Amino acid sequence: MDADVVKTHLACKNLAAATELYQDHSANPDHRLPSRVGDLIHPPWGGPSLYRDATEEPLDPWGNPFRMDHSRTPDGTDYILVWTAKPDGTRITQFGIGPRAEPKW
């Protein structure tokens, strides 16, 4: 597998983990989900980045920003799908790559 694809998949997983830190942060009493990747880097309540001490929003290996879509599991739990796509359109998320990029609930 292409090293850039693996690196991107891991970045999606790390960004998804940062969304959990954001949601559970003591300064976020309503447990809101972030609205954009920038909220992970510069939390609205101040303090350090929740994404590996980043100071600016990360880009995928092809120069594109990562995207975050608010979604809901079949049982009604909110979550964020972190994703990007290769230049050929192959989708990469925290769940997988290509056909495996969508969660299996």
PDB file of N, CA and C in Angstrom:
ATOM      1  N   MET A   1       0.840  -1.181   0.000  1.00  0.00           N
ATOM      2  CA  MET A   1       0.000   0.000   0.000  1.00  0.00           C
ATOM      3  C   MET A   1       0.885   1.243   0.000  1.00  0.00           C
ATOM      4  N   ASP A   2       0.439   2.254  -0.681  1.00  0.00           N
ATOM      5  CA  ASP A   2       1.124   3.532  -0.809  1.00  0.00           C
ATOM      6  C   ASP A   2       1.349   4.166   0.564  1.00  0.00           C
ATOM      7  N   ALA A   3       2.581   4.596   0.845  1.00  0.00           N
ATOM      8  CA  ALA A   3       2.920   5.179   2.150  1.00  0.00           C
ATOM      9  C   ALA A   3       2.110   6.439   2.434  1.00  0.00           C
ATOM     10  N   ASP A   4       1.825   7.248   1.413  1.00  0.00           N
ATOM     11  CA  ASP A   4       1.019   8.448   1.627  1.00  0.00           C
ATOM     12  C   ASP A   4      -0.396   8.092   2.070  1.00  0.00           C
ATOM     13  N   VAL A   5      -0.939   7.022   1.528  1.00  0.00           N
ATOM     14  CA  VAL A   5      -2.295   6.601   1.898  1.00  0.00           C
ATOM     15  C   VAL A   5      -2.316   6.129   3.352  1.00  0.00           C
ATOM     16  N   VAL A   6      -1.328   5.356   3.738  1.00  0.00           N
ATOM     17  CA  VAL A   6      -1.251   4.871   5.122  1.00  0.00           C
ATOM     18  C   VAL A   6      -1.078   6.047   6.078  1.00  0.00           C
ATOM     19  N   LYS A   7      -0.200   6.972   5.738  1.00  0.00           N
ATOM     20  CA  LYS A   7       0.029   8.161   6.564  1.00  0.00           C
ATOM     21  C   LYS A   7      -1.268   8.974   6.696  1.00  0.00           C
ATOM     22  N   THR A   8      -2.011   9.086   5.621  1.00  0.00           N
ATOM     23  CA  THR A   8      -3.253   9.845   5.634  1.00  0.00           C
ATOM     24  C   THR A   8      -4.314   9.154   6.479  1.00  0.00           C
ATOM     25  N   HIS A   9      -4.406   7.846   6.364  1.00  0.00           N
ATOM     26  CA  HIS A   9      -5.357   7.089   7.181  1.00  0.00           C
ATOM     27  C   HIS A   9      -5.041   7.278   8.670  1.00  0.00           C
ATOM     28  N   LEU A  10      -3.770   7.217   9.031  1.00  0.00           N
ATOM     29  CA  LEU A  10      -3.378   7.426  10.427  1.00  0.00           C
ATOM     30  C   LEU A  10      -3.686   8.852  10.885  1.00  0.00           C
ATOM     31  N   ALA A  11      -3.501   9.827  10.010  1.00  0.00           N
ATOM     32  CA  ALA A  11      -3.844  11.207  10.362  1.00  0.00           C
ATOM     33  C   ALA A  11      -5.350  11.332  10.617  1.00  0.00           C
ATOM     34  N   CYS A  12      -6.163  10.673   9.802  1.00  0.00           N
ATOM     35  CA  CYS A  12      -7.616  10.682  10.023  1.00  0.00           C
ATOM     36  C   CYS A  12      -7.957  10.066  11.378  1.00  0.00           C
ATOM     37  N   LYS A  13      -7.302   8.963  11.716  1.00  0.00           N
ATOM     38  CA  LYS A  13      -7.543   8.323  13.012  1.00  0.00           C
ATOM     39  C   LYS A  13      -7.134   9.243  14.163  1.00  0.00           C
ATOM     40  N   ASN A  14      -6.001   9.925  14.011  1.00  0.00           N
ATOM     41  CA  ASN A  14      -5.530  10.831  15.065  1.00  0.00           C
ATOM     42  C   ASN A  14      -6.448  12.043  15.199  1.00  0.00           C
ATOM     43  N   LEU A  15      -6.934  12.566  14.088  1.00  0.00           N
ATOM     44  CA  LEU A  15      -7.881  13.679  14.153  1.00  0.00           C
ATOM     45  C   LEU A  15      -9.186  13.234  14.806  1.00  0.00           C
ATOM     46  N   ALA A  16      -9.637  12.023  14.500  1.00  0.00           N
ATOM     47  CA  ALA A  16     -10.852  11.494  15.128  1.00  0.00           C
ATOM     48  C   ALA A  16     -10.650  11.351  16.639  1.00  0.00           C
ATOM     49  N   ALA A  17      -9.466  10.901  17.053  1.00  0.00           N
ATOM     50  CA  ALA A  17      -9.178  10.792  18.486  1.00  0.00           C
ATOM     51  C   ALA A  17      -9.173  12.180  19.133  1.00  0.00           C
ATOM     52  N   ALA A  18      -8.676  13.186  18.418  1.00  0.00           N
ATOM     53  CA  ALA A  18      -8.676  14.550  18.946  1.00  0.00           C
ATOM     54  C   ALA A  18     -10.101  15.078  19.094  1.00  0.00           C
ATOM     55  N   THR A  19     -11.022  14.640  18.231  1.00  0.00           N
ATOM     56  CA  THR A  19     -12.417  15.072  18.381  1.00  0.00           C
ATOM     57  C   THR A  19     -13.005  14.520  19.675  1.00  0.00           C
ATOM     58  N   GLU A  20     -12.587  13.325  20.071  1.00  0.00           N
ATOM     59  CA  GLU A  20     -13.053  12.747  21.340  1.00  0.00           C
ATOM     60  C   GLU A  20     -12.496  13.545  22.525  1.00  0.00           C
ATOM     61  N   LEU A  21     -11.225  13.943  22.438  1.00  0.00           N
ATOM     62  CA  LEU A  21     -10.644  14.785  23.486  1.00  0.00           C
ATOM     63  C   LEU A  21     -11.403  16.107  23.583  1.00  0.00           C
ATOM     64  N   TYR A  22     -11.723  16.668  22.435  1.00  0.00           N
ATOM     65  CA  TYR A  22     -12.477  17.927  22.388  1.00  0.00           C
ATOM     66  C   TYR A  22     -13.833  17.753  23.065  1.00  0.00           C
ATOM     67  N   GLN A  23     -14.540  16.701  22.674  1.00  0.00           N
ATOM     68  CA  GLN A  23     -15.887  16.467  23.198  1.00  0.00           C
ATOM     69  C   GLN A  23     -15.875  16.245  24.707  1.00  0.00           C
ATOM     70  N   ASP A  24     -14.855  15.585  25.217  1.00  0.00           N
ATOM     71  CA  ASP A  24     -14.786  15.249  26.639  1.00  0.00           C
ATOM     72  C   ASP A  24     -14.041  16.285  27.483  1.00  0.00           C
ATOM     73  N   HIS A  25     -13.551  17.357  26.874  1.00  0.00           N
ATOM     74  CA  HIS A  25     -12.753  18.353  27.594  1.00  0.00           C
ATOM     75  C   HIS A  25     -13.597  19.034  28.670  1.00  0.00           C
ATOM     76  N   SER A  26     -12.988  19.294  29.815  1.00  0.00           N
ATOM     77  CA  SER A  26     -13.707  19.913  30.936  1.00  0.00           C
ATOM     78  C   SER A  26     -14.214  21.318  30.602  1.00  0.00           C
ATOM     79  N   ALA A  27     -13.594  21.999  29.657  1.00  0.00           N
ATOM     80  CA  ALA A  27     -14.045  23.335  29.247  1.00  0.00           C
ATOM     81  C   ALA A  27     -15.201  23.269  28.246  1.00  0.00           C
ATOM     82  N   ASN A  28     -15.637  22.061  27.924  1.00  0.00           N
ATOM     83  CA  ASN A  28     -16.726  21.832  26.968  1.00  0.00           C
ATOM     84  C   ASN A  28     -17.848  21.086  27.695  1.00  0.00           C
ATOM     85  N   PRO A  29     -18.523  21.746  28.644  1.00  0.00           N
ATOM     86  CA  PRO A  29     -19.486  21.040  29.503  1.00  0.00           C
ATOM     87  C   PRO A  29     -20.685  20.456  28.764  1.00  0.00           C
ATOM     88  N   ASP A  30     -21.018  20.995  27.584  1.00  0.00           N
ATOM     89  CA  ASP A  30     -22.143  20.459  26.818  1.00  0.00           C
ATOM     90  C   ASP A  30     -21.719  19.298  25.916  1.00  0.00           C
ATOM     91  N   HIS A  31     -20.441  18.963  25.931  1.00  0.00           N
ATOM     92  CA  HIS A  31     -19.880  17.857  25.138  1.00  0.00           C
ATOM     93  C   HIS A  31     -20.170  18.029  23.652  1.00  0.00           C
ATOM     94  N   ARG A  32     -20.103  19.266  23.202  1.00  0.00           N
ATOM     95  CA  ARG A  32     -20.308  19.541  21.771  1.00  0.00           C
ATOM     96  C   ARG A  32     -19.161  18.971  20.958  1.00  0.00           C
ATOM     97  N   LEU A  33     -19.481  18.586  19.735  1.00  0.00           N
ATOM     98  CA  LEU A  33     -18.459  18.156  18.793  1.00  0.00           C
ATOM     99  C   LEU A  33     -17.866  19.386  18.114  1.00  0.00           C
ATOM    100  N   PRO A  34     -16.613  19.317  17.700  1.00  0.00           N
ATOM    101  CA  PRO A  34     -16.028  20.458  16.993  1.00  0.00           C
ATOM    102  C   PRO A  34     -16.723  20.653  15.643  1.00  0.00           C
ATOM    103  N   SER A  35     -16.742  21.886  15.173  1.00  0.00           N
ATOM    104  CA  SER A  35     -17.392  22.143  13.893  1.00  0.00           C
ATOM    105  C   SER A  35     -16.414  22.088  12.728  1.00  0.00           C
ATOM    106  N   ARG A  36     -15.132  22.169  13.046  1.00  0.00           N
ATOM    107  CA  ARG A  36     -14.108  22.132  11.987  1.00  0.00           C
ATOM    108  C   ARG A  36     -12.781  21.683  12.582  1.00  0.00           C
ATOM    109  N   VAL A  37     -11.855  21.287  11.725  1.00  0.00           N
ATOM    110  CA  VAL A  37     -10.544  20.828  12.180  1.00  0.00           C
ATOM    111  C   VAL A  37      -9.840  21.927  12.972  1.00  0.00           C
ATOM    112  N   GLY A  38     -10.004  23.181  12.562  1.00  0.00           N
ATOM    113  CA  GLY A  38      -9.358  24.283  13.258  1.00  0.00           C
ATOM    114  C   GLY A  38      -9.713  24.363  14.733  1.00  0.00           C
ATOM    115  N   ASP A  39     -10.919  23.886  15.107  1.00  0.00           N
ATOM    116  CA  ASP A  39     -11.302  23.872  16.521  1.00  0.00           C
ATOM    117  C   ASP A  39     -10.434  22.926  17.341  1.00  0.00           C
ATOM    118  N   LEU A  40      -9.878  21.930  16.703  1.00  0.00           N
ATOM    119  CA  LEU A  40      -8.982  21.001  17.399  1.00  0.00           C
ATOM    120  C   LEU A  40      -7.616  21.626  17.621  1.00  0.00           C
ATOM    121  N   ILE A  41      -7.213  22.468  16.681  1.00  0.00           N
ATOM    122  CA  ILE A  41      -5.900  23.110  16.753  1.00  0.00           C
ATOM    123  C   ILE A  41      -5.943  24.309  17.701  1.00  0.00           C
ATOM    124  N   HIS A  42      -7.040  25.082  17.598  1.00  0.00           N
ATOM    125  CA  HIS A  42      -7.237  26.272  18.426  1.00  0.00           C
ATOM    126  C   HIS A  42      -8.605  26.151  19.096  1.00  0.00           C
ATOM    127  N   PRO A  43      -8.690  25.398  20.210  1.00  0.00           N
ATOM    128  CA  PRO A  43      -9.991  25.223  20.868  1.00  0.00           C
ATOM    129  C   PRO A  43     -10.612  26.571  21.220  1.00  0.00           C
ATOM    130  N   PRO A  44     -11.930  26.691  21.075  1.00  0.00           N
ATOM    131  CA  PRO A  44     -12.586  27.974  21.339  1.00  0.00           C
ATOM    132  C   PRO A  44     -12.422  28.448  22.787  1.00  0.00           C
ATOM    133  N   TRP A  45     -12.108  27.560  23.707  1.00  0.00           N
ATOM    134  CA  TRP A  45     -11.925  27.930  25.105  1.00  0.00           C
ATOM    135  C   TRP A  45     -10.469  28.267  25.407  1.00  0.00           C
ATOM    136  N   GLY A  46      -9.614  28.226  24.389  1.00  0.00           N
ATOM    137  CA  GLY A  46      -8.194  28.500  24.582  1.00  0.00           C
ATOM    138  C   GLY A  46      -7.435  27.236  24.941  1.00  0.00           C
ATOM    139  N   GLY A  47      -6.206  27.383  25.239  1.00  0.00           N
ATOM    140  CA  GLY A  47      -5.386  26.233  25.610  1.00  0.00           C
ATOM    141  C   GLY A  47      -4.684  25.624  24.413  1.00  0.00           C
ATOM    142  N   PRO A  48      -3.916  24.562  24.673  1.00  0.00           N
ATOM    143  CA  PRO A  48      -3.103  23.948  23.619  1.00  0.00           C
ATOM    144  C   PRO A  48      -3.930  23.139  22.621  1.00  0.00           C
ATOM    145  N   SER A  49      -3.312  22.871  21.497  1.00  0.00           N
ATOM    146  CA  SER A  49      -3.914  22.050  20.452  1.00  0.00           C
ATOM    147  C   SER A  49      -4.245  20.656  20.994  1.00  0.00           C
ATOM    148  N   LEU A  50      -5.349  20.131  20.540  1.00  0.00           N
ATOM    149  CA  LEU A  50      -5.724  18.766  20.909  1.00  0.00           C
ATOM    150  C   LEU A  50      -5.232  17.761  19.871  1.00  0.00           C
ATOM    151  N   TYR A  51      -4.592  18.255  18.828  1.00  0.00           N
ATOM    152  CA  TYR A  51      -4.063  17.390  17.762  1.00  0.00           C
ATOM    153  C   TYR A  51      -2.547  17.495  17.732  1.00  0.00           C
ATOM    154  N   ARG A  52      -1.889  16.625  18.432  1.00  0.00           N
ATOM    155  CA  ARG A  52      -0.437  16.477  18.442  1.00  0.00           C
ATOM    156  C   ARG A  52       0.322  17.798  18.449  1.00  0.00           C
ATOM    157  N   ASP A  53      -0.107  18.730  19.282  1.00  0.00           N
ATOM    158  CA  ASP A  53       0.580  20.008  19.443  1.00  0.00           C
ATOM    159  C   ASP A  53       0.725  20.782  18.127  1.00  0.00           C
ATOM    160  N   ALA A  54      -0.194  20.584  17.211  1.00  0.00           N
ATOM    161  CA  ALA A  54      -0.161  21.297  15.936  1.00  0.00           C
ATOM    162  C   ALA A  54      -0.448  22.778  16.162  1.00  0.00           C
ATOM    163  N   THR A  55       0.133  23.614  15.333  1.00  0.00           N
ATOM    164  CA  THR A  55      -0.119  25.050  15.414  1.00  0.00           C
ATOM    165  C   THR A  55      -0.944  25.540  14.232  1.00  0.00           C
ATOM    166  N   GLU A  56      -1.105  24.703  13.218  1.00  0.00           N
ATOM    167  CA  GLU A  56      -1.946  25.043  12.080  1.00  0.00           C
ATOM    168  C   GLU A  56      -2.642  23.787  11.582  1.00  0.00           C
ATOM    169  N   GLU A  57      -3.699  23.997  10.815  1.00  0.00           N
ATOM    170  CA  GLU A  57      -4.476  22.852  10.335  1.00  0.00           C
ATOM    171  C   GLU A  57      -3.627  21.979   9.419  1.00  0.00           C
ATOM    172  N   PRO A  58      -3.678  20.661   9.622  1.00  0.00           N
ATOM    173  CA  PRO A  58      -2.885  19.759   8.783  1.00  0.00           C
ATOM    174  C   PRO A  58      -3.483  19.640   7.383  1.00  0.00           C
ATOM    175  N   LEU A  59      -2.616  19.316   6.442  1.00  0.00           N
ATOM    176  CA  LEU A  59      -3.039  19.040   5.077  1.00  0.00           C
ATOM    177  C   LEU A  59      -2.694  17.599   4.750  1.00  0.00           C
ATOM    178  N   ASP A  60      -3.460  17.002   3.852  1.00  0.00           N
ATOM    179  CA  ASP A  60      -3.125  15.654   3.420  1.00  0.00           C
ATOM    180  C   ASP A  60      -1.900  15.728   2.498  1.00  0.00           C
ATOM    181  N   PRO A  61      -1.328  14.591   2.105  1.00  0.00           N
ATOM    182  CA  PRO A  61      -0.120  14.608   1.273  1.00  0.00           C
ATOM    183  C   PRO A  61      -0.299  15.277  -0.087  1.00  0.00           C
ATOM    184  N   TRP A  62      -1.558  15.490  -0.495  1.00  0.00           N
ATOM    185  CA  TRP A  62      -1.851  16.101  -1.782  1.00  0.00           C
ATOM    186  C   TRP A  62      -2.188  17.581  -1.647  1.00  0.00           C
ATOM    187  N   GLY A  63      -1.988  18.132  -0.430  1.00  0.00           N
ATOM    188  CA  GLY A  63      -2.157  19.552  -0.192  1.00  0.00           C
ATOM    189  C   GLY A  63      -3.562  19.999   0.143  1.00  0.00           C
ATOM    190  N   ASN A  64      -4.458  19.052   0.430  1.00  0.00           N
ATOM    191  CA  ASN A  64      -5.845  19.385   0.745  1.00  0.00           C
ATOM    192  C   ASN A  64      -6.103  19.333   2.248  1.00  0.00           C
ATOM    193  N   PRO A  65      -6.996  20.190   2.745  1.00  0.00           N
ATOM    194  CA  PRO A  65      -7.351  20.103   4.166  1.00  0.00           C
ATOM    195  C   PRO A  65      -8.195  18.865   4.439  1.00  0.00           C
ATOM    196  N   PHE A  66      -8.086  18.345   5.638  1.00  0.00           N
ATOM    197  CA  PHE A  66      -8.952  17.243   6.053  1.00  0.00           C
ATOM    198  C   PHE A  66     -10.353  17.803   6.294  1.00  0.00           C
ATOM    199  N   ARG A  67     -11.348  16.989   6.073  1.00  0.00           N
ATOM    200  CA  ARG A  67     -12.733  17.407   6.266  1.00  0.00           C
ATOM    201  C   ARG A  67     -13.351  16.639   7.416  1.00  0.00           C
ATOM    202  N   MET A  68     -14.369  17.242   8.001  1.00  0.00           N
ATOM    203  CA  MET A  68     -15.089  16.591   9.099  1.00  0.00           C
ATOM    204  C   MET A  68     -16.582  16.704   8.819  1.00  0.00           C
ATOM    205  N   ASP A  69     -17.253  15.563   8.803  1.00  0.00           N
ATOM    206  CA  ASP A  69     -18.704  15.528   8.633  1.00  0.00           C
ATOM    207  C   ASP A  69     -19.342  15.025   9.916  1.00  0.00           C
ATOM    208  N   HIS A  70     -20.340  15.741  10.402  1.00  0.00           N
ATOM    209  CA  HIS A  70     -21.100  15.281  11.563  1.00  0.00           C
ATOM    210  C   HIS A  70     -22.041  14.184  11.089  1.00  0.00           C
ATOM    211  N   SER A  71     -22.042  13.067  11.791  1.00  0.00           N
ATOM    212  CA  SER A  71     -22.881  11.926  11.452  1.00  0.00           C
ATOM    213  C   SER A  71     -23.481  11.336  12.718  1.00  0.00           C
ATOM    214  N   ARG A  72     -24.289  10.328  12.531  1.00  0.00           N
ATOM    215  CA  ARG A  72     -24.945   9.678  13.665  1.00  0.00           C
ATOM    216  C   ARG A  72     -24.973   8.173  13.405  1.00  0.00           C
ATOM    217  N   THR A  73     -24.662   7.403  14.443  1.00  0.00           N
ATOM    218  CA  THR A  73     -24.729   5.949  14.335  1.00  0.00           C
ATOM    219  C   THR A  73     -26.194   5.521  14.333  1.00  0.00           C
ATOM    220  N   PRO A  74     -26.482   4.279  13.954  1.00  0.00           N
ATOM    221  CA  PRO A  74     -27.869   3.813  13.980  1.00  0.00           C
ATOM    222  C   PRO A  74     -28.537   3.922  15.355  1.00  0.00           C
ATOM    223  N   ASP A  75     -27.724   3.872  16.435  1.00  0.00           N
ATOM    224  CA  ASP A  75     -28.329   3.994  17.773  1.00  0.00           C
ATOM    225  C   ASP A  75     -28.467   5.448  18.224  1.00  0.00           C
ATOM    226  N   GLY A  76     -28.125   6.407  17.338  1.00  0.00           N
ATOM    227  CA  GLY A  76     -28.324   7.813  17.636  1.00  0.00           C
ATOM    228  C   GLY A  76     -27.144   8.539  18.242  1.00  0.00           C
ATOM    229  N   THR A  77     -25.991   7.899  18.342  1.00  0.00           N
ATOM    230  CA  THR A  77     -24.801   8.533  18.882  1.00  0.00           C
ATOM    231  C   THR A  77     -24.151   9.412  17.815  1.00  0.00           C
ATOM    232  N   ASP A  78     -23.888  10.665  18.170  1.00  0.00           N
ATOM    233  CA  ASP A  78     -23.212  11.566  17.237  1.00  0.00           C
ATOM    234  C   ASP A  78     -21.732  11.233  17.161  1.00  0.00           C
ATOM    235  N   TYR A  79     -21.184  11.363  15.978  1.00  0.00           N
ATOM    236  CA  TYR A  79     -19.743  11.210  15.800  1.00  0.00           C
ATOM    237  C   TYR A  79     -19.321  12.049  14.603  1.00  0.00           C
ATOM    238  N   ILE A  80     -18.028  12.183  14.443  1.00  0.00           N
ATOM    239  CA  ILE A  80     -17.489  12.927  13.306  1.00  0.00           C
ATOM    240  C   ILE A  80     -16.730  11.964  12.408  1.00  0.00           C
ATOM    241  N   LEU A  81     -17.041  12.039  11.128  1.00  0.00           N
ATOM    242  CA  LEU A  81     -16.303  11.292  10.118  1.00  0.00           C
ATOM    243  C   LEU A  81     -15.213  12.222   9.600  1.00  0.00           C
ATOM    244  N   VAL A  82     -13.956  11.861   9.830  1.00  0.00           N
ATOM    245  CA  VAL A  82     -12.815  12.634   9.340  1.00  0.00           C
ATOM    246  C   VAL A  82     -12.389  12.002   8.029  1.00  0.00           C
ATOM    247  N   TRP A  83     -12.257  12.824   6.994  1.00  0.00           N
ATOM    248  CA  TRP A  83     -11.944  12.234   5.689  1.00  0.00           C
ATOM    249  C   TRP A  83     -11.199  13.187   4.766  1.00  0.00           C
ATOM    250  N   THR A  84     -10.639  12.596   3.746  1.00  0.00           N
ATOM    251  CA  THR A  84     -10.044  13.295   2.611  1.00  0.00           C
ATOM    252  C   THR A  84     -10.086  12.315   1.446  1.00  0.00           C
ATOM    253  N   ALA A  85      -9.565  12.709   0.319  1.00  0.00           N
ATOM    254  CA  ALA A  85      -9.561  11.818  -0.845  1.00  0.00           C
ATOM    255  C   ALA A  85      -8.261  11.986  -1.624  1.00  0.00           C
ATOM    256  N   LYS A  86      -7.811  10.875  -2.186  1.00  0.00           N
ATOM    257  CA  LYS A  86      -6.661  10.911  -3.077  1.00  0.00           C
ATOM    258  C   LYS A  86      -7.052  11.651  -4.357  1.00  0.00           C
ATOM    259  N   PRO A  87      -6.077  12.072  -5.161  1.00  0.00           N
ATOM    260  CA  PRO A  87      -6.407  12.740  -6.421  1.00  0.00           C
ATOM    261  C   PRO A  87      -7.309  11.897  -7.345  1.00  0.00           C
ATOM    262  N   ASP A  88      -7.244  10.573  -7.215  1.00  0.00           N
ATOM    263  CA  ASP A  88      -8.103   9.725  -8.047  1.00  0.00           C
ATOM    264  C   ASP A  88      -9.506   9.550  -7.467  1.00  0.00           C
ATOM    265  N   GLY A  89      -9.786  10.216  -6.334  1.00  0.00           N
ATOM    266  CA  GLY A  89     -11.103  10.158  -5.719  1.00  0.00           C
ATOM    267  C   GLY A  89     -11.267   9.105  -4.634  1.00  0.00           C
ATOM    268  N   THR A  90     -10.262   8.273  -4.418  1.00  0.00           N
ATOM    269  CA  THR A  90     -10.341   7.256  -3.374  1.00  0.00           C
ATOM    270  C   THR A  90     -10.488   7.929  -2.017  1.00  0.00           C
ATOM    271  N   ARG A  91     -11.550   7.593  -1.318  1.00  0.00           N
ATOM    272  CA  ARG A  91     -11.858   8.205  -0.025  1.00  0.00           C
ATOM    273  C   ARG A  91     -11.052   7.530   1.084  1.00  0.00           C
ATOM    274  N   ILE A  92     -10.552   8.345   2.013  1.00  0.00           N
ATOM    275  CA  ILE A  92      -9.781   7.867   3.157  1.00  0.00           C
ATOM    276  C   ILE A  92     -10.412   8.471   4.400  1.00  0.00           C
ATOM    277  N   THR A  93     -10.744   7.630   5.390  1.00  0.00           N
ATOM    278  CA  THR A  93     -11.338   8.091   6.642  1.00  0.00           C
ATOM    279  C   THR A  93     -10.625   7.417   7.808  1.00  0.00           C
ATOM    280  N   GLN A  94     -11.090   7.726   9.022  1.00  0.00           N
ATOM    281  CA  GLN A  94     -10.536   7.048  10.188  1.00  0.00           C
ATOM    282  C   GLN A  94     -10.917   5.569  10.207  1.00  0.00           C
ATOM    283  N   PHE A  95     -11.901   5.176   9.411  1.00  0.00           N
ATOM    284  CA  PHE A  95     -12.354   3.788   9.405  1.00  0.00           C
ATOM    285  C   PHE A  95     -11.619   2.934   8.383  1.00  0.00           C
ATOM    286  N   GLY A  96     -11.089   3.558   7.331  1.00  0.00           N
ATOM    287  CA  GLY A  96     -10.405   2.776   6.323  1.00  0.00           C
ATOM    288  C   GLY A  96     -10.193   3.556   5.033  1.00  0.00           C
ATOM    289  N   ILE A  97      -9.908   2.802   3.993  1.00  0.00           N
ATOM    290  CA  ILE A  97      -9.528   3.365   2.695  1.00  0.00           C
ATOM    291  C   ILE A  97     -10.397   2.751   1.612  1.00  0.00           C
ATOM    292  N   GLY A  98     -10.842   3.580   0.681  1.00  0.00           N
ATOM    293  CA  GLY A  98     -11.644   3.094  -0.442  1.00  0.00           C
ATOM    294  C   GLY A  98     -12.948   2.477   0.024  1.00  0.00           C
ATOM    295  N   PRO A  99     -13.238   1.233  -0.389  1.00  0.00           N
ATOM    296  CA  PRO A  99     -14.495   0.596  -0.009  1.00  0.00           C
ATOM    297  C   PRO A  99     -14.639   0.389   1.505  1.00  0.00           C
ATOM    298  N   ARG A 100     -13.550   0.425   2.221  1.00  0.00           N
ATOM    299  CA  ARG A 100     -13.586   0.235   3.681  1.00  0.00           C
ATOM    300  C   ARG A 100     -13.614   1.558   4.441  1.00  0.00           C
ATOM    301  N   ALA A 101     -13.797   2.668   3.722  1.00  0.00           N
ATOM    302  CA  ALA A 101     -13.740   3.982   4.351  1.00  0.00           C
ATOM    303  C   ALA A 101     -14.986   4.325   5.159  1.00  0.00           C
ATOM    304  N   GLU A 102     -16.080   3.652   4.900  1.00  0.00           N
ATOM    305  CA  GLU A 102     -17.320   3.945   5.628  1.00  0.00           C
ATOM    306  C   GLU A 102     -17.425   3.044   6.862  1.00  0.00           C
ATOM    307  N   PRO A 103     -17.984   3.577   7.947  1.00  0.00           N
ATOM    308  CA  PRO A 103     -18.120   2.758   9.159  1.00  0.00           C
ATOM    309  C   PRO A 103     -19.070   1.604   8.939  1.00  0.00           C
ATOM    310  N   LYS A 104     -18.818   0.521   9.611  1.00  0.00           N
ATOM    311  CA  LYS A 104     -19.673  -0.678   9.541  1.00  0.00           C
ATOM    312  C   LYS A 104     -20.438  -0.780  10.864  1.00  0.00           C
ATOM    313  N   TRP A 105     -21.615  -0.255  10.907  1.00  0.00           N
ATOM    314  CA  TRP A 105     -22.409  -0.320  12.129  1.00  0.00           C
ATOM    315  C   TRP A 105     -23.240  -1.550  12.078  1.00  0.00           C
TER     316      TRP A 105
END
